[in-house]
């Protein structure tokens, strides 16, 4: 099954490292015009150079996704450069390791602004930009924490639960404009963000996954491309687990032991 995005303009927030970078690169490989953003200018410059070294072109800016003017201004410039926006991937997020009861109010607000408000902004941008194109796809990054929260990742889990439900609400509200809204739920994926916990608990984490291995960013990107494609035309208002079968049963490791 070939999936191509020639003539499509794609935006990936948090698109400079890890899952976000893999998603952006995957779209570029399949012919899309790609724009990425992140807070760090150095990170954006590094990602754009990686694109260039691999023979792809991309547009990127340093953007604070939690600030309306910053994100909307970026969207306007992408629209001007590419002629429109067809696919918007709200991937940017932060994940402080802290219990809810230990989380200071300013950190709570920061996480909610970056992880949730930016997705809300993405919905507003989709409504504005994609209606002009006759439709499009909004894709939101949730987390397995939206289904099963974890102690020590309190505010992150709460924020991703909000993204899970925001995806449903936006899907209903944007459906009359031929805009689909879907989410992706990664399990533990090998990235810079997860390297410390993987180093400390790799065997335990793998034992929680039916396939008995931890995911790679490209495996998430492949699923996101499918969700963005016309092959998924009747999928909206839902989030897809891409977890290797994490806790699909209470004891997934037992199958490997026997």
Protein backbone atom coordinates (compact mmCIF):
# COMPACT_ATOMS: atom_id res chain seq x y z
CA UNK A 1 0.00 0.00 0.00
CA UNK A 2 1.67 3.18 -1.20
CA UNK A 3 0.93 6.37 0.68
CA UNK A 4 2.09 9.61 -0.87
CA UNK A 5 1.63 13.26 0.12
CA UNK A 6 2.71 15.09 -3.02
CA UNK A 7 1.20 18.56 -3.08
CA UNK A 8 0.36 18.45 0.63
CA UNK A 9 1.67 20.92 3.21
CA UNK A 10 2.39 19.44 6.64
CA UNK A 11 3.26 21.11 9.96
CA UNK A 12 4.81 19.19 12.87
CA UNK A 13 5.21 21.00 16.19
CA UNK A 14 8.07 19.73 18.30
CA UNK A 15 9.45 18.39 15.03
CA UNK A 16 13.17 18.65 15.72
CA UNK A 17 13.90 15.49 17.73
CA UNK A 18 12.52 12.07 18.60
CA UNK A 19 9.05 11.14 17.42
CA UNK A 20 8.36 14.61 16.00
CA UNK A 21 11.45 14.59 13.81
CA UNK A 22 10.68 11.08 12.56
CA UNK A 23 7.14 12.12 11.66
CA UNK A 24 8.37 15.19 9.78
CA UNK A 25 11.03 13.20 7.92
CA UNK A 26 8.54 10.48 7.01
CA UNK A 27 6.19 13.04 5.44
CA UNK A 28 9.09 14.58 3.52
CA UNK A 29 10.09 11.17 2.16
CA UNK A 30 6.58 10.75 0.80
CA UNK A 31 6.60 14.04 -1.07
CA UNK A 32 5.04 16.51 1.36
CA UNK A 33 6.16 20.07 1.92
CA UNK A 34 7.14 20.05 5.60
CA UNK A 35 7.40 22.76 8.24
CA UNK A 36 8.68 22.15 11.76
CA UNK A 37 8.93 24.22 14.90
CA UNK A 38 10.35 23.98 18.40
CA UNK A 39 11.42 26.36 21.15
CA UNK A 40 15.15 25.96 20.57
CA UNK A 41 16.54 27.80 17.54
CA UNK A 42 19.63 25.61 17.71
CA UNK A 43 17.39 22.54 17.62
CA UNK A 44 15.48 23.84 14.62
CA UNK A 45 18.69 24.68 12.77
CA UNK A 46 20.12 21.24 13.53
CA UNK A 47 16.98 19.46 12.31
CA UNK A 48 16.87 21.51 9.11
CA UNK A 49 20.50 20.64 8.43
CA UNK A 50 19.69 16.95 8.92
CA UNK A 51 16.90 17.30 6.37
CA UNK A 52 19.28 18.95 3.93
CA UNK A 53 21.94 16.28 4.43
CA UNK A 54 19.34 13.61 3.55
CA UNK A 55 18.25 15.42 0.41
CA UNK A 56 15.00 16.92 1.74
CA UNK A 57 13.96 20.52 2.16
CA UNK A 58 11.93 21.82 5.08
CA UNK A 59 10.92 25.10 6.63
CA UNK A 60 11.42 25.72 10.33
CA UNK A 61 11.17 28.36 13.03
CA UNK A 62 11.79 28.78 16.73
CA UNK A 63 8.27 28.96 18.17
CA UNK A 64 6.70 28.91 21.62
CA UNK A 65 3.63 26.77 20.95
CA UNK A 66 2.00 27.94 24.19
CA UNK A 67 1.87 31.57 23.00
CA UNK A 68 -0.95 32.34 20.60
CA UNK A 69 0.81 35.00 18.56
CA UNK A 70 3.94 32.89 18.22
CA UNK A 71 2.14 29.78 16.93
CA UNK A 72 -0.43 31.60 14.81
CA UNK A 73 2.29 33.76 13.24
CA UNK A 74 4.21 30.63 12.34
CA UNK A 75 1.09 29.12 10.78
CA UNK A 76 0.54 32.28 8.72
CA UNK A 77 4.10 32.16 7.39
CA UNK A 78 3.80 28.45 6.53
CA UNK A 79 0.56 29.16 4.69
CA UNK A 80 2.22 31.97 2.77
CA UNK A 81 5.23 29.80 1.88
CA UNK A 82 3.37 26.62 0.91
CA UNK A 83 0.05 28.08 -0.25
CA UNK A 84 -1.91 26.45 2.57
CA UNK A 85 -1.82 23.83 5.31
CA UNK A 86 -3.33 20.36 4.81
CA UNK A 87 -2.05 18.39 7.81
CA UNK A 88 -1.19 19.70 11.26
CA UNK A 89 0.53 17.45 13.81
CA UNK A 90 0.44 18.76 17.39
CA UNK A 91 3.39 16.82 18.77
CA UNK A 92 5.15 19.32 21.05
CA UNK A 93 5.11 18.41 24.74
CA UNK A 94 7.09 18.51 27.97
CA UNK A 95 7.20 15.80 30.62
CA UNK A 96 8.46 16.79 34.07
CA UNK A 97 9.09 13.88 36.43
CA UNK A 98 7.06 14.92 39.46
CA UNK A 99 4.05 13.91 41.50
CA UNK A 100 0.97 16.12 41.26
CA UNK A 101 1.15 16.94 44.97
CA UNK A 102 4.75 18.15 44.52
CA UNK A 103 4.09 20.20 41.38
CA UNK A 104 4.36 23.98 41.86
CA UNK A 105 1.61 26.02 40.27
CA UNK A 106 3.88 27.70 37.74
CA UNK A 107 5.11 24.32 36.46
CA UNK A 108 1.53 23.02 36.30
CA UNK A 109 0.58 26.05 34.18
CA UNK A 110 3.61 25.61 31.92
CA UNK A 111 2.85 21.95 31.20
CA UNK A 112 -0.83 22.64 30.55
CA UNK A 113 0.04 25.54 28.26
CA UNK A 114 2.53 23.55 26.19
CA UNK A 115 0.77 20.18 26.18
CA UNK A 116 -2.89 21.21 26.04
CA UNK A 117 -3.28 24.84 25.03
CA UNK A 118 -1.05 24.28 21.99
CA UNK A 119 -3.39 21.49 20.84
CA UNK A 120 -6.36 23.83 21.29
CA UNK A 121 -4.48 26.38 19.19
CA UNK A 122 -3.87 23.68 16.58
CA UNK A 123 -7.62 23.15 16.38
CA UNK A 124 -8.22 26.86 15.80
CA UNK A 125 -5.50 26.96 13.15
CA UNK A 126 -6.95 23.90 11.42
CA UNK A 127 -10.40 25.49 11.36
CA UNK A 128 -8.97 28.65 9.80
CA UNK A 129 -6.43 27.24 7.35
CA UNK A 130 -7.90 23.89 6.30
CA UNK A 131 -11.38 25.22 5.50
CA UNK A 132 -9.73 27.19 2.71
CA UNK A 133 -8.35 23.92 1.30
CA UNK A 134 -11.66 22.12 1.46
CA UNK A 135 -10.56 19.96 4.39
CA UNK A 136 -7.55 18.44 6.06
CA UNK A 137 -6.31 16.35 8.95
CA UNK A 138 -5.42 17.43 12.50
CA UNK A 139 -3.34 14.87 14.39
CA UNK A 140 -2.73 15.18 18.12
CA UNK A 141 -0.01 13.46 20.14
CA UNK A 142 -1.46 11.84 23.25
CA UNK A 143 0.33 9.24 25.38
CA UNK A 144 -0.29 5.91 27.05
CA UNK A 145 -0.52 8.07 30.17
CA UNK A 146 -3.84 9.33 28.83
CA UNK A 147 -5.18 5.79 29.28
CA UNK A 148 -3.25 4.69 32.35
CA UNK A 149 -1.59 7.49 34.34
CA UNK A 150 1.69 6.97 36.17
CA UNK A 151 2.82 8.11 39.60
CA UNK A 152 5.71 10.48 39.11
CA UNK A 153 4.34 11.79 35.80
CA UNK A 154 1.31 13.47 37.34
CA UNK A 155 0.74 16.71 35.48
CA UNK A 156 1.94 15.13 32.21
CA UNK A 157 -0.63 12.34 32.58
CA UNK A 158 -3.39 14.85 33.31
CA UNK A 159 -2.42 16.98 30.31
CA UNK A 160 -2.43 14.00 27.95
CA UNK A 161 -5.82 12.94 29.26
CA UNK A 162 -7.04 16.37 28.22
CA UNK A 163 -5.52 15.93 24.75
CA UNK A 164 -7.29 12.56 24.43
CA UNK A 165 -10.68 14.20 25.01
CA UNK A 166 -9.88 17.37 23.09
CA UNK A 167 -9.27 15.18 20.04
CA UNK A 168 -12.83 13.85 20.29
CA UNK A 169 -14.39 17.29 20.74
CA UNK A 170 -12.46 18.83 17.86
CA UNK A 171 -13.34 15.90 15.60
CA UNK A 172 -17.04 16.59 16.04
CA UNK A 173 -16.72 20.35 15.71
CA UNK A 174 -14.50 20.26 12.61
CA UNK A 175 -16.26 17.41 10.78
CA UNK A 176 -18.63 19.76 8.89
CA UNK A 177 -15.56 21.31 7.26
CA UNK A 178 -14.19 17.95 6.07
CA UNK A 179 -11.42 18.09 8.67
CA UNK A 180 -10.62 14.81 10.38
CA UNK A 181 -9.12 14.85 13.88
CA UNK A 182 -7.25 11.84 15.22
CA UNK A 183 -4.73 11.13 17.94
CA UNK A 184 -1.79 8.79 18.36
CA UNK A 185 -0.87 7.13 21.63
CA UNK A 186 2.76 6.00 21.78
CA UNK A 187 3.98 3.58 24.39
CA UNK A 188 7.58 3.74 25.57
CA UNK A 189 9.59 4.80 22.52
CA UNK A 190 13.38 5.00 22.42
CA UNK A 191 14.14 8.74 22.27
CA UNK A 192 16.30 11.27 24.08
CA UNK A 193 13.34 12.03 26.37
CA UNK A 194 13.07 8.41 27.55
CA UNK A 195 16.72 7.36 27.60
CA UNK A 196 17.14 7.70 31.38
CA UNK A 197 14.09 5.67 32.34
CA UNK A 198 14.96 3.04 29.73
CA UNK A 199 18.49 2.77 31.07
CA UNK A 200 17.13 2.21 34.58
CA UNK A 201 14.15 -0.06 33.83
CA UNK A 202 14.51 -1.55 30.34
CA UNK A 203 13.66 -5.14 31.33
CA UNK A 204 10.60 -4.08 33.32
CA UNK A 205 9.33 -1.81 30.55
CA UNK A 206 9.74 -4.52 27.92
CA UNK A 207 7.92 -7.02 30.12
CA UNK A 208 4.84 -4.76 29.99
CA UNK A 209 4.68 -4.93 26.19
CA UNK A 210 3.18 -7.89 24.34
CA UNK A 211 5.75 -7.66 21.54
CA UNK A 212 8.46 -7.58 24.23
CA UNK A 213 10.45 -4.68 22.80
CA UNK A 214 10.36 -0.90 23.02
CA UNK A 215 9.22 1.13 20.06
CA UNK A 216 11.28 3.19 17.65
CA UNK A 217 10.24 6.67 16.49
CA UNK A 218 9.86 5.47 12.90
CA UNK A 219 7.20 2.98 14.00
CA UNK A 220 5.12 5.86 15.36
CA UNK A 221 5.73 7.92 12.23
CA UNK A 222 4.53 5.12 9.93
CA UNK A 223 1.23 4.92 11.81
CA UNK A 224 0.80 8.71 11.77
CA UNK A 225 1.29 8.78 8.00
CA UNK A 226 -1.48 6.23 7.63
CA UNK A 227 -3.81 8.29 9.84
CA UNK A 228 -3.06 11.37 7.73
CA UNK A 229 -3.72 9.60 4.44
CA UNK A 230 -6.90 9.07 2.45
CA UNK A 231 -6.62 5.37 3.38
CA UNK A 232 -7.88 6.43 6.82
CA UNK A 233 -10.73 8.56 5.47
CA UNK A 234 -13.33 7.11 7.87
CA UNK A 235 -11.19 7.45 11.00
CA UNK A 236 -11.87 10.50 13.14
CA UNK A 237 -12.58 11.29 16.78
CA UNK A 238 -10.38 8.53 18.10
CA UNK A 239 -6.79 7.93 19.18
CA UNK A 240 -4.79 4.94 18.03
CA UNK A 241 -2.51 3.03 20.41
CA UNK A 242 0.96 2.42 18.97
CA UNK A 243 2.41 0.60 21.94
CA UNK A 244 3.38 -2.91 20.90
CA UNK A 245 0.43 -4.15 22.94
CA UNK A 246 1.37 -2.51 26.21
CA UNK A 247 -0.80 -4.00 28.96
CA UNK A 248 -3.21 -5.49 26.43
CA UNK A 249 -3.38 -8.12 29.16
CA UNK A 250 -2.35 -7.79 32.78
CA UNK A 251 0.69 -10.04 32.32
CA UNK A 252 2.04 -9.82 28.75
CA UNK A 253 5.43 -11.27 29.78
CA UNK A 254 3.79 -14.59 30.70
CA UNK A 255 3.42 -15.51 27.03
CA UNK A 256 7.18 -15.25 26.57
CA UNK A 257 7.93 -17.20 29.72
CA UNK A 258 5.92 -20.19 28.52
